[in-house]
Structure formats: C-alpha cells, structure tokens
Amino acid sequence: MRFALAAVVLATTAAIPAQVLRVFPPDGSTPAQVGAVGAELDLTRGQAGDASSLRLWVDGVDVTALSRVTQTRDSPPSFVSITYTPTGLPPGLHRAEVRFDAGGSTLTHAWTFTVPGS
C-alpha cells in the first residue's frame, strides 16, 4: 500500500506592506506630557519600505525636517524610527501621521492623542 502526500501552497499576489510597529503617544491616549511624537517601522515585512521617503505630520504640518530619523545600519535599512519633539502642543485632540513609500505606493498610518487641559 502506498500513500502519497500532497502539499498545497496558496500564494497571494497582494503584497504585504512594511509595518508600523509602534506609535507614540499611543493611539487614543491622553498622556500627562507629550515629550515626543513619532513611530517605529519594520521595513522588512512584505514589500520593503523606503526609509528615505519617511515623513511625519502633526496636525496637518509636515514636521519631518524638525524630526530625528534613526535607522539600522544594514542596507537597505530594516528598521527606522522618526521622532519629533513638540514645543507647546495646546490642550485638545491632535492627529499624527507617518507616510512612506513601499512597493510603488505611498502608505499612510495615522493616529490621535489628546493633550489634557490645565
């Protein structure tokens, strides 16, 4: 008696984009103080993201030039983070957003946080 094993591999043509690992302040949070706004990304997941295209927006303003970008030393970089140190965010709801290119598309990840009133 012979048994044959067959394996079926399902492949998808939809590419998996690079992933946002963490945002800060956390989405939906109300931190007592906002020392930094930013995100950490894994550019190795699925379609590789382009670290040089990374941009950070806070309340509709591109703050990339005022931010610190760090990345791993491998080429292309596997992980990247962008950090902006705001001065005097007023009380209320704030929206942050990172944008970066991956696989020919611009990907966007947005989150909100609230600065409490005094």
Protein backbone atom coordinates (compact mmCIF):
# COMPACT_ATOMS: atom_id res chain seq x y z
CA MET A 1 0.00 0.00 0.00
CA ARG A 2 1.42 3.38 -0.98
CA PHE A 3 0.50 6.73 0.45
CA ALA A 4 1.16 9.96 -1.31
CA LEU A 5 1.38 13.24 0.47
CA ALA A 6 0.47 16.32 -1.39
CA ALA A 7 1.06 19.85 -0.21
CA VAL A 8 -0.91 22.73 -1.48
CA VAL A 9 0.69 26.12 -1.26
CA LEU A 10 -1.58 29.07 -1.63
CA ALA A 11 0.12 32.21 -2.79
CA THR A 12 -1.39 35.61 -2.93
CA THR A 13 -0.47 38.33 -5.34
CA ALA A 14 -1.37 41.02 -2.81
CA ALA A 15 1.85 42.34 -1.32
CA ILE A 16 2.13 42.84 2.41
CA PRO A 17 3.34 46.36 3.19
CA ALA A 18 6.03 47.34 5.65
CA GLN A 19 4.64 47.57 9.18
CA VAL A 20 4.31 50.34 11.72
CA LEU A 21 5.45 48.65 14.94
CA ARG A 22 4.70 51.41 17.42
CA VAL A 23 3.42 54.96 17.52
CA PHE A 24 3.89 57.45 20.31
CA PRO A 25 1.99 58.78 22.08
CA PRO A 26 -0.17 55.65 21.71
CA ASP A 27 -3.31 55.93 19.60
CA GLY A 28 -6.25 57.26 21.59
CA SER A 29 -4.14 58.08 24.65
CA THR A 30 -4.22 61.12 26.91
CA PRO A 31 -0.64 61.42 28.17
CA ALA A 32 0.14 63.77 31.04
CA GLN A 33 3.04 65.13 28.95
CA VAL A 34 3.93 64.77 25.28
CA GLY A 35 7.70 64.55 25.12
CA ALA A 36 7.80 63.09 21.63
CA VAL A 37 5.59 62.22 18.69
CA GLY A 38 6.67 59.55 16.25
CA ALA A 39 6.72 55.99 15.02
CA GLU A 40 8.89 52.91 14.61
CA LEU A 41 8.64 50.86 11.41
CA ASP A 42 9.76 47.42 10.27
CA LEU A 43 10.68 47.82 6.61
CA THR A 44 11.39 44.12 6.06
CA ARG A 45 7.80 42.86 6.25
CA GLY A 46 6.37 42.22 2.81
CA GLN A 47 7.17 44.95 0.34
CA ALA A 48 10.22 46.78 1.58
CA GLY A 49 9.58 50.35 2.60
CA ASP A 50 11.83 53.19 1.53
CA ALA A 51 13.38 54.78 4.64
CA SER A 52 14.36 57.92 2.73
CA SER A 53 10.70 58.61 1.92
CA LEU A 54 9.54 58.60 5.57
CA ARG A 55 7.60 61.73 6.58
CA LEU A 56 5.89 62.73 9.83
CA TRP A 57 2.91 65.08 10.04
CA VAL A 58 1.41 66.53 13.22
CA ASP A 59 -1.91 68.36 12.98
CA GLY A 60 -1.52 68.67 9.21
CA VAL A 61 2.00 70.14 9.35
CA ASP A 62 4.99 68.26 7.90
CA VAL A 63 7.48 68.17 10.80
CA THR A 64 9.96 65.82 9.12
CA ALA A 65 12.70 68.46 8.90
CA LEU A 66 12.35 69.08 12.65
CA SER A 67 12.44 65.36 13.49
CA ARG A 68 15.19 62.87 14.26
CA VAL A 69 15.29 59.82 12.00
CA THR A 70 17.27 56.76 13.07
CA GLN A 71 17.69 53.51 11.20
CA THR A 72 19.59 50.25 11.30
CA ARG A 73 22.92 50.12 9.50
CA ASP A 74 22.02 47.32 7.10
CA SER A 75 21.33 48.27 3.50
CA PRO A 76 18.55 48.89 2.85
CA PRO A 77 17.66 49.57 6.49
CA SER A 78 15.41 47.01 8.21
CA PHE A 79 14.04 49.25 10.92
CA VAL A 80 13.56 53.01 11.07
CA SER A 81 12.13 55.44 13.59
CA ILE A 82 11.13 59.07 13.37
CA THR A 83 10.79 61.27 16.44
CA TYR A 84 9.56 64.84 16.72
CA THR A 85 9.87 66.81 19.97
CA PRO A 86 6.98 69.25 20.04
CA THR A 87 7.04 72.52 21.91
CA GLY A 88 3.83 73.70 23.47
CA LEU A 89 1.16 71.48 21.99
CA PRO A 90 -2.10 73.10 23.07
CA PRO A 91 -4.71 71.11 25.01
CA GLY A 92 -7.07 69.10 22.85
CA LEU A 93 -7.13 66.37 20.23
CA HIS A 94 -4.08 66.01 17.97
CA ARG A 95 -3.53 63.89 14.87
CA ALA A 96 -0.19 62.43 13.83
CA GLU A 97 0.57 60.60 10.60
CA VAL A 98 3.54 58.83 9.02
CA ARG A 99 3.83 58.40 5.28
CA PHE A 100 6.36 56.30 3.40
CA ASP A 101 6.79 54.62 0.04
CA ALA A 102 6.61 50.83 -0.31
CA GLY A 103 6.21 48.82 -3.47
CA GLY A 104 5.35 51.79 -5.64
CA SER A 105 2.65 53.15 -3.32
CA THR A 106 2.65 55.74 -0.57
CA LEU A 107 1.43 54.19 2.67
CA THR A 108 -0.13 56.23 5.46
CA HIS A 109 -0.66 55.41 9.12
CA ALA A 110 -2.48 57.95 11.30
CA TRP A 111 -3.32 58.08 14.98
CA THR A 112 -4.70 60.55 17.51
CA PHE A 113 -3.90 61.56 21.07
CA THR A 114 -5.25 64.16 23.44
CA VAL A 115 -3.28 66.74 25.40
CA PRO A 116 -5.23 67.35 28.62
CA GLY A 117 -6.23 70.88 29.63
CA SER A 118 -4.59 72.55 32.58
